[in-house]
C-alpha atoms as a PDB file:
ATOM      1  CA  UNK A   1     113.447  39.787  58.617  1.00  0.00           C
ATOM      2  CA  UNK A   2     114.072  39.544  62.367  1.00  0.00           C
ATOM      3  CA  UNK A   3     111.801  42.061  64.110  1.00  0.00           C
ATOM      4  CA  UNK A   4     112.944  41.218  67.633  1.00  0.00           C
ATOM      5  CA  UNK A   5     113.811  44.374  69.553  1.00  0.00           C
ATOM      6  CA  UNK A   6     117.336  44.285  71.002  1.00  0.00           C
ATOM      7  CA  UNK A   7     117.858  47.557  72.851  1.00  0.00           C
ATOM      8  CA  UNK A   8     121.099  49.459  72.587  1.00  0.00           C
ATOM      9  CA  UNK A   9     122.383  49.757  76.173  1.00  0.00           C
ATOM     10  CA  UNK A  10     123.203  53.395  75.509  1.00  0.00           C
ATOM     11  CA  UNK A  11     119.741  54.266  74.220  1.00  0.00           C
ATOM     12  CA  UNK A  12     117.188  56.365  76.104  1.00  0.00           C
ATOM     13  CA  UNK A  13     114.707  53.482  75.959  1.00  0.00           C
ATOM     14  CA  UNK A  14     117.113  51.132  77.735  1.00  0.00           C
ATOM     15  CA  UNK A  15     117.898  53.688  80.424  1.00  0.00           C
ATOM     16  CA  UNK A  16     114.200  53.728  81.388  1.00  0.00           C
ATOM     17  CA  UNK A  17     114.277  50.082  82.563  1.00  0.00           C
ATOM     18  CA  UNK A  18     116.739  48.382  84.875  1.00  0.00           C
ATOM     19  CA  UNK A  19     119.016  46.091  82.877  1.00  0.00           C
ATOM     20  CA  UNK A  20     118.452  42.850  84.821  1.00  0.00           C
ATOM     21  CA  UNK A  21     114.805  42.846  83.694  1.00  0.00           C
ATOM     22  CA  UNK A  22     115.616  43.775  80.096  1.00  0.00           C
ATOM     23  CA  UNK A  23     117.583  40.547  79.820  1.00  0.00           C
ATOM     24  CA  UNK A  24     114.342  38.570  80.359  1.00  0.00           C
ATOM     25  CA  UNK A  25     112.160  40.142  77.644  1.00  0.00           C
ATOM     26  CA  UNK A  26     113.120  37.380  75.204  1.00  0.00           C
ATOM     27  CA  UNK A  27     113.522  34.496  77.681  1.00  0.00           C
ATOM     28  CA  UNK A  28     111.061  31.715  78.492  1.00  0.00           C
ATOM     29  CA  UNK A  29     112.660  30.406  81.665  1.00  0.00           C
ATOM     30  CA  UNK A  30     112.691  31.787  85.200  1.00  0.00           C
ATOM     31  CA  UNK A  31     109.867  33.709  86.855  1.00  0.00           C
ATOM     32  CA  UNK A  32     106.765  33.798  84.681  1.00  0.00           C
ATOM     33  CA  UNK A  33     106.119  37.441  85.625  1.00  0.00           C
ATOM     34  CA  UNK A  34     108.699  40.175  86.187  1.00  0.00           C
ATOM     35  CA  UNK A  35     108.202  43.892  86.670  1.00  0.00           C
ATOM     36  CA  UNK A  36     110.051  47.141  86.145  1.00  0.00           C
ATOM     37  CA  UNK A  37     109.692  50.850  86.798  1.00  0.00           C
ATOM     38  CA  UNK A  38     109.633  53.311  83.890  1.00  0.00           C
ATOM     39  CA  UNK A  39     111.147  56.773  84.303  1.00  0.00           C
ATOM     40  CA  UNK A  40     111.844  58.893  81.229  1.00  0.00           C
ATOM     41  CA  UNK A  41     112.457  62.584  82.138  1.00  0.00           C
ATOM     42  CA  UNK A  42     112.790  63.600  78.482  1.00  0.00           C
ATOM     43  CA  UNK A  43     110.824  60.970  76.591  1.00  0.00           C
ATOM     44  CA  UNK A  44     112.224  59.505  73.385  1.00  0.00           C
ATOM     45  CA  UNK A  45     113.969  61.508  70.683  1.00  0.00           C
ATOM     46  CA  UNK A  46     112.261  59.379  68.034  1.00  0.00           C
ATOM     47  CA  UNK A  47     109.767  56.567  67.769  1.00  0.00           C
ATOM     48  CA  UNK A  48     111.080  53.065  68.431  1.00  0.00           C
ATOM     49  CA  UNK A  49     110.403  51.340  65.107  1.00  0.00           C
ATOM     50  CA  UNK A  50     108.514  48.067  64.591  1.00  0.00           C
ATOM     51  CA  UNK A  51     109.690  45.323  66.932  1.00  0.00           C
ATOM     52  CA  UNK A  52     108.308  42.478  69.020  1.00  0.00           C
ATOM     53  CA  UNK A  53     109.089  40.621  72.245  1.00  0.00           C
ATOM     54  CA  UNK A  54     108.865  36.971  73.202  1.00  0.00           C
ATOM     55  CA  UNK A  55     107.028  37.848  76.411  1.00  0.00           C
ATOM     56  CA  UNK A  56     103.750  39.698  76.733  1.00  0.00           C
ATOM     57  CA  UNK A  57     103.822  43.196  78.228  1.00  0.00           C
ATOM     58  CA  UNK A  58     101.505  45.261  80.413  1.00  0.00           C
ATOM     59  CA  UNK A  59     102.642  48.898  80.567  1.00  0.00           C
ATOM     60  CA  UNK A  60     100.947  51.316  82.953  1.00  0.00           C
ATOM     61  CA  UNK A  61     101.349  55.086  82.627  1.00  0.00           C
ATOM     62  CA  UNK A  62     101.250  57.098  85.860  1.00  0.00           C
ATOM     63  CA  UNK A  63     102.288  60.428  84.300  1.00  0.00           C
ATOM     64  CA  UNK A  64     102.757  61.371  80.654  1.00  0.00           C
ATOM     65  CA  UNK A  65     101.499  59.771  77.457  1.00  0.00           C
ATOM     66  CA  UNK A  66     102.655  56.748  75.481  1.00  0.00           C
ATOM     67  CA  UNK A  67     101.568  56.087  71.880  1.00  0.00           C
ATOM     68  CA  UNK A  68     101.930  52.829  69.994  1.00  0.00           C
ATOM     69  CA  UNK A  69     101.008  51.377  66.624  1.00  0.00           C
ATOM     70  CA  UNK A  70     100.090  47.739  66.011  1.00  0.00           C
ATOM     71  CA  UNK A  71      98.718  45.688  63.123  1.00  0.00           C
ATOM     72  CA  UNK A  72      95.253  46.181  64.609  1.00  0.00           C
ATOM     73  CA  UNK A  73      95.403  49.954  64.929  1.00  0.00           C
ATOM     74  CA  UNK A  74      96.822  52.756  67.018  1.00  0.00           C
ATOM     75  CA  UNK A  75      96.263  53.587  70.657  1.00  0.00           C
ATOM     76  CA  UNK A  76      97.228  56.222  73.188  1.00  0.00           C
ATOM     77  CA  UNK A  77      98.022  55.314  76.770  1.00  0.00           C
ATOM     78  CA  UNK A  78      97.216  58.163  79.209  1.00  0.00           C
ATOM     79  CA  UNK A  79      97.660  58.168  83.005  1.00  0.00           C
ATOM     80  CA  UNK A  80      95.628  55.605  84.924  1.00  0.00           C
ATOM     81  CA  UNK A  81      95.483  53.033  82.129  1.00  0.00           C
ATOM     82  CA  UNK A  82      97.683  50.159  81.022  1.00  0.00           C
ATOM     83  CA  UNK A  83      98.424  48.864  77.553  1.00  0.00           C
ATOM     84  CA  UNK A  84      98.383  45.126  76.944  1.00  0.00           C
ATOM     85  CA  UNK A  85     100.684  43.688  74.260  1.00  0.00           C
ATOM     86  CA  UNK A  86     100.420  39.922  73.609  1.00  0.00           C
ATOM     87  CA  UNK A  87     103.559  37.814  73.106  1.00  0.00           C
ATOM     88  CA  UNK A  88     105.222  38.297  69.733  1.00  0.00           C
ATOM     89  CA  UNK A  89     102.964  41.208  68.694  1.00  0.00           C
ATOM     90  CA  UNK A  90     104.771  43.682  66.383  1.00  0.00           C
ATOM     91  CA  UNK A  91     104.408  47.281  67.565  1.00  0.00           C
ATOM     92  CA  UNK A  92     106.061  50.698  67.740  1.00  0.00           C
ATOM     93  CA  UNK A  93     106.538  52.956  70.782  1.00  0.00           C
ATOM     94  CA  UNK A  94     106.542  56.754  70.897  1.00  0.00           C
ATOM     95  CA  UNK A  95     106.917  58.939  74.010  1.00  0.00           C
ATOM     96  CA  UNK A  96     106.739  62.640  73.200  1.00  0.00           C
ATOM     97  CA  UNK A  97     107.504  63.975  76.684  1.00  0.00           C
ATOM     98  CA  UNK A  98     108.337  62.925  80.263  1.00  0.00           C
ATOM     99  CA  UNK A  99     106.871  59.559  81.227  1.00  0.00           C
ATOM    100  CA  UNK A 100     106.589  57.714  84.534  1.00  0.00           C
ATOM    101  CA  UNK A 101     105.005  54.333  85.165  1.00  0.00           C
ATOM    102  CA  UNK A 102     105.618  50.626  85.481  1.00  0.00           C
ATOM    103  CA  UNK A 103     105.534  47.492  83.371  1.00  0.00           C
ATOM    104  CA  UNK A 104     105.194  43.736  83.604  1.00  0.00           C
ATOM    105  CA  UNK A 105     106.570  41.082  81.271  1.00  0.00           C
ATOM    106  CA  UNK A 106     104.685  37.777  81.220  1.00  0.00           C
ATOM    107  CA  UNK A 107     105.776  34.470  79.726  1.00  0.00           C
ATOM    108  CA  UNK A 108     103.701  33.113  76.796  1.00  0.00           C
ATOM    109  CA  UNK A 109     102.719  30.096  78.902  1.00  0.00           C
ATOM    110  CA  UNK A 110     101.031  32.339  81.488  1.00  0.00           C
ATOM    111  CA  UNK A 111      99.572  34.722  78.885  1.00  0.00           C
ATOM    112  CA  UNK A 112      97.767  32.046  76.858  1.00  0.00           C
ATOM    113  CA  UNK A 113      94.285  32.944  78.156  1.00  0.00           C
ATOM    114  CA  UNK A 114      94.853  36.704  78.436  1.00  0.00           C
ATOM    115  CA  UNK A 115      93.710  39.075  75.627  1.00  0.00           C
ATOM    116  CA  UNK A 116      94.847  37.846  72.204  1.00  0.00           C
ATOM    117  CA  UNK A 117      95.034  41.363  70.713  1.00  0.00           C
ATOM    118  CA  UNK A 118      96.551  44.638  71.973  1.00  0.00           C
ATOM    119  CA  UNK A 119      94.196  46.682  74.130  1.00  0.00           C
ATOM    120  CA  UNK A 120      94.030  49.319  76.853  1.00  0.00           C
ATOM    121  CA  UNK A 121      92.698  48.273  80.256  1.00  0.00           C
ATOM    122  CA  UNK A 122      91.780  50.055  83.485  1.00  0.00           C
ATOM    123  CA  UNK A 123      93.965  49.353  86.512  1.00  0.00           C
ATOM    124  CA  UNK A 124      92.314  48.258  89.751  1.00  0.00           C
ATOM    125  CA  UNK A 125      93.814  49.111  93.143  1.00  0.00           C
ATOM    126  CA  UNK A 126      94.625  45.438  93.649  1.00  0.00           C
ATOM    127  CA  UNK A 127      96.381  45.121  90.291  1.00  0.00           C
ATOM    128  CA  UNK A 128      98.358  48.299  91.031  1.00  0.00           C
ATOM    129  CA  UNK A 129      99.455  46.979  94.443  1.00  0.00           C
ATOM    130  CA  UNK A 130     100.445  43.577  93.059  1.00  0.00           C
ATOM    131  CA  UNK A 131     102.384  45.147  90.194  1.00  0.00           C
ATOM    132  CA  UNK A 132     104.332  47.336  92.628  1.00  0.00           C
ATOM    133  CA  UNK A 133     105.287  44.225  94.583  1.00  0.00           C
ATOM    134  CA  UNK A 134     106.383  42.399  91.421  1.00  0.00           C
ATOM    135  CA  UNK A 135     108.591  45.321  90.304  1.00  0.00           C
ATOM    136  CA  UNK A 136     110.689  44.667  93.421  1.00  0.00           C
ATOM    137  CA  UNK A 137     111.263  41.005  92.616  1.00  0.00           C
ATOM    138  CA  UNK A 138     114.729  39.897  91.579  1.00  0.00           C
ATOM    139  CA  UNK A 139     114.829  37.558  88.557  1.00  0.00           C
ATOM    140  CA  UNK A 140     115.016  33.960  89.807  1.00  0.00           C
ATOM    141  CA  UNK A 141     114.829  30.410  88.515  1.00  0.00           C
ATOM    142  CA  UNK A 142     111.289  29.833  89.792  1.00  0.00           C
ATOM    143  CA  UNK A 143     108.554  31.394  91.918  1.00  0.00           C
ATOM    144  CA  UNK A 144     108.166  30.476  95.570  1.00  0.00           C
ATOM    145  CA  UNK A 145     104.686  29.672  96.951  1.00  0.00           C
ATOM    146  CA  UNK A 146     103.940  33.272  97.958  1.00  0.00           C
ATOM    147  CA  UNK A 147     105.024  34.625  94.579  1.00  0.00           C
ATOM    148  CA  UNK A 148     103.013  31.957  92.771  1.00  0.00           C
ATOM    149  CA  UNK A 149      99.871  32.953  94.657  1.00  0.00           C
ATOM    150  CA  UNK A 150     100.404  36.642  93.809  1.00  0.00           C
ATOM    151  CA  UNK A 151     100.987  35.773  90.139  1.00  0.00           C
ATOM    152  CA  UNK A 152      97.698  33.854  90.000  1.00  0.00           C
ATOM    153  CA  UNK A 153      95.754  36.784  91.468  1.00  0.00           C
ATOM    154  CA  UNK A 154      97.556  39.281  89.222  1.00  0.00           C
ATOM    155  CA  UNK A 155      96.738  37.295  86.073  1.00  0.00           C
ATOM    156  CA  UNK A 156      93.103  37.074  87.151  1.00  0.00           C
ATOM    157  CA  UNK A 157      92.998  40.866  87.597  1.00  0.00           C
ATOM    158  CA  UNK A 158      94.401  41.379  84.084  1.00  0.00           C
ATOM    159  CA  UNK A 159      91.958  38.827  82.668  1.00  0.00           C
ATOM    160  CA  UNK A 160      88.963  40.687  84.125  1.00  0.00           C
ATOM    161  CA  UNK A 161      90.196  44.275  83.715  1.00  0.00           C
ATOM    162  CA  UNK A 162      87.690  46.566  81.910  1.00  0.00           C
ATOM    163  CA  UNK A 163      88.708  47.592  78.387  1.00  0.00           C
ATOM    164  CA  UNK A 164      89.188  51.316  77.726  1.00  0.00           C
ATOM    165  CA  UNK A 165      88.228  53.202  74.532  1.00  0.00           C
ATOM    166  CA  UNK A 166      91.727  54.373  73.605  1.00  0.00           C
ATOM    167  CA  UNK A 167      92.059  52.194  70.531  1.00  0.00           C
ATOM    168  CA  UNK A 168      91.898  53.552  66.997  1.00  0.00           C
ATOM    169  CA  UNK A 169      91.272  50.530  64.732  1.00  0.00           C
ATOM    170  CA  UNK A 170      92.720  50.723  61.237  1.00  0.00           C
ATOM    171  CA  UNK A 171      90.843  49.496  58.131  1.00  0.00           C
ATOM    172  CA  UNK A 172      92.460  46.882  55.902  1.00  0.00           C
ATOM    173  CA  UNK A 173      91.074  47.954  52.520  1.00  0.00           C
ATOM    174  CA  UNK A 174      93.867  49.928  50.822  1.00  0.00           C
ATOM    175  CA  UNK A 175      91.505  52.774  49.831  1.00  0.00           C
ATOM    176  CA  UNK A 176      90.097  53.125  53.343  1.00  0.00           C
ATOM    177  CA  UNK A 177      93.586  52.797  54.806  1.00  0.00           C
ATOM    178  CA  UNK A 178      94.709  55.653  52.577  1.00  0.00           C
ATOM    179  CA  UNK A 179      91.958  57.869  54.009  1.00  0.00           C
ATOM    180  CA  UNK A 180      92.695  56.806  57.604  1.00  0.00           C
ATOM    181  CA  UNK A 181      96.422  57.426  57.216  1.00  0.00           C
ATOM    182  CA  UNK A 182      95.810  60.885  55.809  1.00  0.00           C
ATOM    183  CA  UNK A 183      93.498  61.751  58.710  1.00  0.00           C
ATOM    184  CA  UNK A 184      96.070  60.581  61.252  1.00  0.00           C
ATOM    185  CA  UNK A 185      98.676  62.751  59.523  1.00  0.00           C
ATOM    186  CA  UNK A 186      96.268  65.723  59.509  1.00  0.00           C
ATOM    187  CA  UNK A 187      93.344  65.218  61.931  1.00  0.00           C
ATOM    188  CA  UNK A 188      92.059  68.743  61.217  1.00  0.00           C
ATOM    189  CA  UNK A 189      91.359  67.941  57.559  1.00  0.00           C
ATOM    190  CA  UNK A 190      87.715  68.946  57.272  1.00  0.00           C
ATOM    191  CA  UNK A 191      86.739  67.277  54.016  1.00  0.00           C
ATOM    192  CA  UNK A 192      83.272  65.751  54.047  1.00  0.00           C
ATOM    193  CA  UNK A 193      82.583  62.041  53.722  1.00  0.00           C
ATOM    194  CA  UNK A 194      81.582  62.631  50.093  1.00  0.00           C
ATOM    195  CA  UNK A 195      84.839  64.463  49.372  1.00  0.00           C
ATOM    196  CA  UNK A 196      86.913  61.721  50.989  1.00  0.00           C
ATOM    197  CA  UNK A 197      85.053  59.084  48.986  1.00  0.00           C
ATOM    198  CA  UNK A 198      85.781  60.915  45.758  1.00  0.00           C
ATOM    199  CA  UNK A 199      89.442  61.377  46.745  1.00  0.00           C
ATOM    200  CA  UNK A 200      89.854  57.639  47.352  1.00  0.00           C
ATOM    201  CA  UNK A 201      87.835  56.481  44.337  1.00  0.00           C
ATOM    202  CA  UNK A 202      84.851  55.152  46.310  1.00  0.00           C
ATOM    203  CA  UNK A 203      81.170  55.860  46.459  1.00  0.00           C
ATOM    204  CA  UNK A 204      80.021  57.481  49.736  1.00  0.00           C
ATOM    205  CA  UNK A 205      77.810  54.462  50.395  1.00  0.00           C
ATOM    206  CA  UNK A 206      80.714  52.030  49.960  1.00  0.00           C
ATOM    207  CA  UNK A 207      82.966  54.120  52.188  1.00  0.00           C
ATOM    208  CA  UNK A 208      80.300  54.261  54.908  1.00  0.00           C
ATOM    209  CA  UNK A 209      79.508  50.548  54.824  1.00  0.00           C
ATOM    210  CA  UNK A 210      83.059  49.212  54.623  1.00  0.00           C
ATOM    211  CA  UNK A 211      84.483  51.662  57.152  1.00  0.00           C
ATOM    212  CA  UNK A 212      82.059  50.414  59.793  1.00  0.00           C
ATOM    213  CA  UNK A 213      82.570  46.775  58.773  1.00  0.00           C
ATOM    214  CA  UNK A 214      86.352  47.029  59.096  1.00  0.00           C
ATOM    215  CA  UNK A 215      86.706  49.302  62.147  1.00  0.00           C
ATOM    216  CA  UNK A 216      83.363  48.835  64.006  1.00  0.00           C
ATOM    217  CA  UNK A 217      83.094  52.662  63.977  1.00  0.00           C
ATOM    218  CA  UNK A 218      81.274  55.007  61.628  1.00  0.00           C
ATOM    219  CA  UNK A 219      83.497  57.321  59.593  1.00  0.00           C
ATOM    220  CA  UNK A 220      82.468  60.302  61.778  1.00  0.00           C
ATOM    221  CA  UNK A 221      83.171  58.377  64.994  1.00  0.00           C
ATOM    222  CA  UNK A 222      86.553  57.214  63.728  1.00  0.00           C
ATOM    223  CA  UNK A 223      87.568  60.744  62.683  1.00  0.00           C
ATOM    224  CA  UNK A 224      86.515  62.152  66.032  1.00  0.00           C
ATOM    225  CA  UNK A 225      88.457  59.454  67.871  1.00  0.00           C
ATOM    226  CA  UNK A 226      91.544  60.223  65.755  1.00  0.00           C
ATOM    227  CA  UNK A 227      91.232  63.892  66.707  1.00  0.00           C
ATOM    228  CA  UNK A 228      90.856  63.038  70.396  1.00  0.00           C
ATOM    229  CA  UNK A 229      93.943  60.821  70.314  1.00  0.00           C
ATOM    230  CA  UNK A 230      95.961  63.648  68.781  1.00  0.00           C
ATOM    231  CA  UNK A 231      94.397  66.120  71.217  1.00  0.00           C
ATOM    232  CA  UNK A 232      95.501  63.949  74.133  1.00  0.00           C
ATOM    233  CA  UNK A 233      99.064  63.985  72.825  1.00  0.00           C
ATOM    234  CA  UNK A 234      98.998  67.780  72.426  1.00  0.00           C
ATOM    235  CA  UNK A 235      97.591  68.250  75.937  1.00  0.00           C
ATOM    236  CA  UNK A 236     100.427  66.134  77.309  1.00  0.00           C
ATOM    237  CA  UNK A 237     102.885  68.316  75.379  1.00  0.00           C
ATOM    238  CA  UNK A 238     101.499  71.426  77.092  1.00  0.00           C
ATOM    239  CA  UNK A 239      99.337  72.928  74.334  1.00  0.00           C
ATOM    240  CA  UNK A 240      96.335  74.985  75.461  1.00  0.00           C
ATOM    241  CA  UNK A 241      92.785  73.744  74.935  1.00  0.00           C
ATOM    242  CA  UNK A 242      91.990  76.705  72.684  1.00  0.00           C
ATOM    243  CA  UNK A 243      95.015  76.026  70.449  1.00  0.00           C
ATOM    244  CA  UNK A 244      94.204  72.317  70.255  1.00  0.00           C
ATOM    245  CA  UNK A 245      90.579  72.991  69.314  1.00  0.00           C
ATOM    246  CA  UNK A 246      91.704  75.286  66.506  1.00  0.00           C
ATOM    247  CA  UNK A 247      94.481  72.967  65.284  1.00  0.00           C
ATOM    248  CA  UNK A 248      92.198  69.913  65.189  1.00  0.00           C
ATOM    249  CA  UNK A 249      89.280  71.545  63.408  1.00  0.00           C
ATOM    250  CA  UNK A 250      86.769  71.843  66.258  1.00  0.00           C
ATOM    251  CA  UNK A 251      84.354  74.746  65.998  1.00  0.00           C
ATOM    252  CA  UNK A 252      85.387  76.143  69.408  1.00  0.00           C
ATOM    253  CA  UNK A 253      87.396  75.263  72.537  1.00  0.00           C
ATOM    254  CA  UNK A 254      84.200  74.304  74.373  1.00  0.00           C
ATOM    255  CA  UNK A 255      83.302  71.946  71.534  1.00  0.00           C
ATOM    256  CA  UNK A 256      86.581  70.123  72.100  1.00  0.00           C
ATOM    257  CA  UNK A 257      85.984  70.073  75.876  1.00  0.00           C
ATOM    258  CA  UNK A 258      82.462  68.674  75.371  1.00  0.00           C
ATOM    259  CA  UNK A 259      83.660  65.837  73.130  1.00  0.00           C
ATOM    260  CA  UNK A 260      86.640  65.159  75.406  1.00  0.00           C
ATOM    261  CA  UNK A 261      84.386  64.908  78.479  1.00  0.00           C
ATOM    262  CA  UNK A 262      81.952  62.620  76.667  1.00  0.00           C
ATOM    263  CA  UNK A 263      84.754  60.263  75.640  1.00  0.00           C
ATOM    264  CA  UNK A 264      87.040  60.285  78.714  1.00  0.00           C
ATOM    265  CA  UNK A 265      84.484  61.014  81.438  1.00  0.00           C
ATOM    266  CA  UNK A 266      85.938  64.341  82.608  1.00  0.00           C
ATOM    267  CA  UNK A 267      87.200  67.640  81.118  1.00  0.00           C
ATOM    268  CA  UNK A 268      90.860  68.058  80.051  1.00  0.00           C
ATOM    269  CA  UNK A 269      91.843  70.031  83.169  1.00  0.00           C
ATOM    270  CA  UNK A 270      90.654  67.349  85.584  1.00  0.00           C
ATOM    271  CA  UNK A 271      92.047  64.592  83.372  1.00  0.00           C
ATOM    272  CA  UNK A 272      95.549  66.090  83.431  1.00  0.00           C
ATOM    273  CA  UNK A 273      95.288  66.920  87.147  1.00  0.00           C
ATOM    274  CA  UNK A 274      95.011  63.198  87.884  1.00  0.00           C
ATOM    275  CA  UNK A 275      98.534  62.784  86.493  1.00  0.00           C
ATOM    276  CA  UNK A 276      99.929  65.939  88.104  1.00  0.00           C
ATOM    277  CA  UNK A 277     100.285  67.775  84.796  1.00  0.00           C
ATOM    278  CA  UNK A 278      99.369  71.481  84.494  1.00  0.00           C
ATOM    279  CA  UNK A 279      96.803  72.632  81.951  1.00  0.00           C
ATOM    280  CA  UNK A 280      97.494  75.757  79.911  1.00  0.00           C
ATOM    281  CA  UNK A 281      94.686  78.324  80.222  1.00  0.00           C
ATOM    282  CA  UNK A 282      91.897  78.329  77.623  1.00  0.00           C
ATOM    283  CA  UNK A 283      90.633  81.414  75.891  1.00  0.00           C
ATOM    284  CA  UNK A 284      87.250  82.377  74.463  1.00  0.00           C
ATOM    285  CA  UNK A 285      85.229  79.322  75.493  1.00  0.00           C
ATOM    286  CA  UNK A 286      81.944  79.029  73.585  1.00  0.00           C
ATOM    287  CA  UNK A 287      79.357  76.298  73.201  1.00  0.00           C
ATOM    288  CA  UNK A 288      78.838  75.182  69.559  1.00  0.00           C
ATOM    289  CA  UNK A 289      78.920  71.456  68.862  1.00  0.00           C
ATOM    290  CA  UNK A 290      82.096  69.863  67.604  1.00  0.00           C
ATOM    291  CA  UNK A 291      82.649  69.536  63.892  1.00  0.00           C
ATOM    292  CA  UNK A 292      83.074  66.225  62.084  1.00  0.00           C
END
C-alpha cells in the first residue's frame, strides 16, 4: 500500500502551508532545506491518517498543540518545541484547536546524520532565527553560497538540539500494547498494576519487567506521562485545571499542578502564558500527591 501523503488542495491541512512548498515534500532536487509558515485558525476537523513524506520535517509550534503518532510511540508538541520526523517515517497528525508555527522540510541527503527516530527538541534562538529566514526562501534549483552557509549552521543546530520529554513510547508486546492503548483511550482508568496484569493475562512481575524493557519507563511513569499528554491537550482546548485533574484521575487540582510542574518545569498557567493562551480558573486547590 502506498502511504505517501498527497494533500487535497481543498483540505484544511493544505491551506495551512503555501502551495509552492507543498510541491517539494516528495522531491529530492532543488534546495536541500525549505521552510513554511503554519497558520490554522480552526485546527483540523479530524486526524490526518497514517502517511509519510520523502523529506524529513521539523515542525515548531508557537501557539497551540500538535499531536502525532508514530511506530515508536506518541508525542505532543506544545509551544516552544519542535517535532523531528525523519524521511519516510509513517505518522499521523492531529490538531485539536488553533495552531500557529513554522516548519522545515529537509532532503534525505542532508538529514542522514540527524536523529534517526522521531523526537521533540528544544529550539534555540539561533535555530529560530535561521528557520524564519528559510521560510522566506523561494524554491530554487540550488542554494547560493549564503544559503549554503545558513543551511550548514541550521543542520548543526538541529543535530545538537536538546531532546524534550514529550514522547510516550509504545510497547511492542501485544499484551502490553493492549494495556497501553486502553490507558491512552482512558487515562483516568485507576486500575492497579496487579489489576492490569490480570486483565491482560500477565503476572505483575512480568508486566513490570517487560514494560520497562520495552518503553524505558516504569508502568507508573508511563501512565503518568500518558495523563500529562492528555492533560496538555485539554489545557490547550480550554479546560480548567480542576476539571482536568478530576477527569484524569488525579487526587486534586494541586496534585495535577505539582506533577505538571515537575515534568514541564513550570505550572500550567505560566506554561500556557508563554504561548499567549488563557488559563481557565482553578477551584479548590489542595495538596495531596498525585495518584498513579
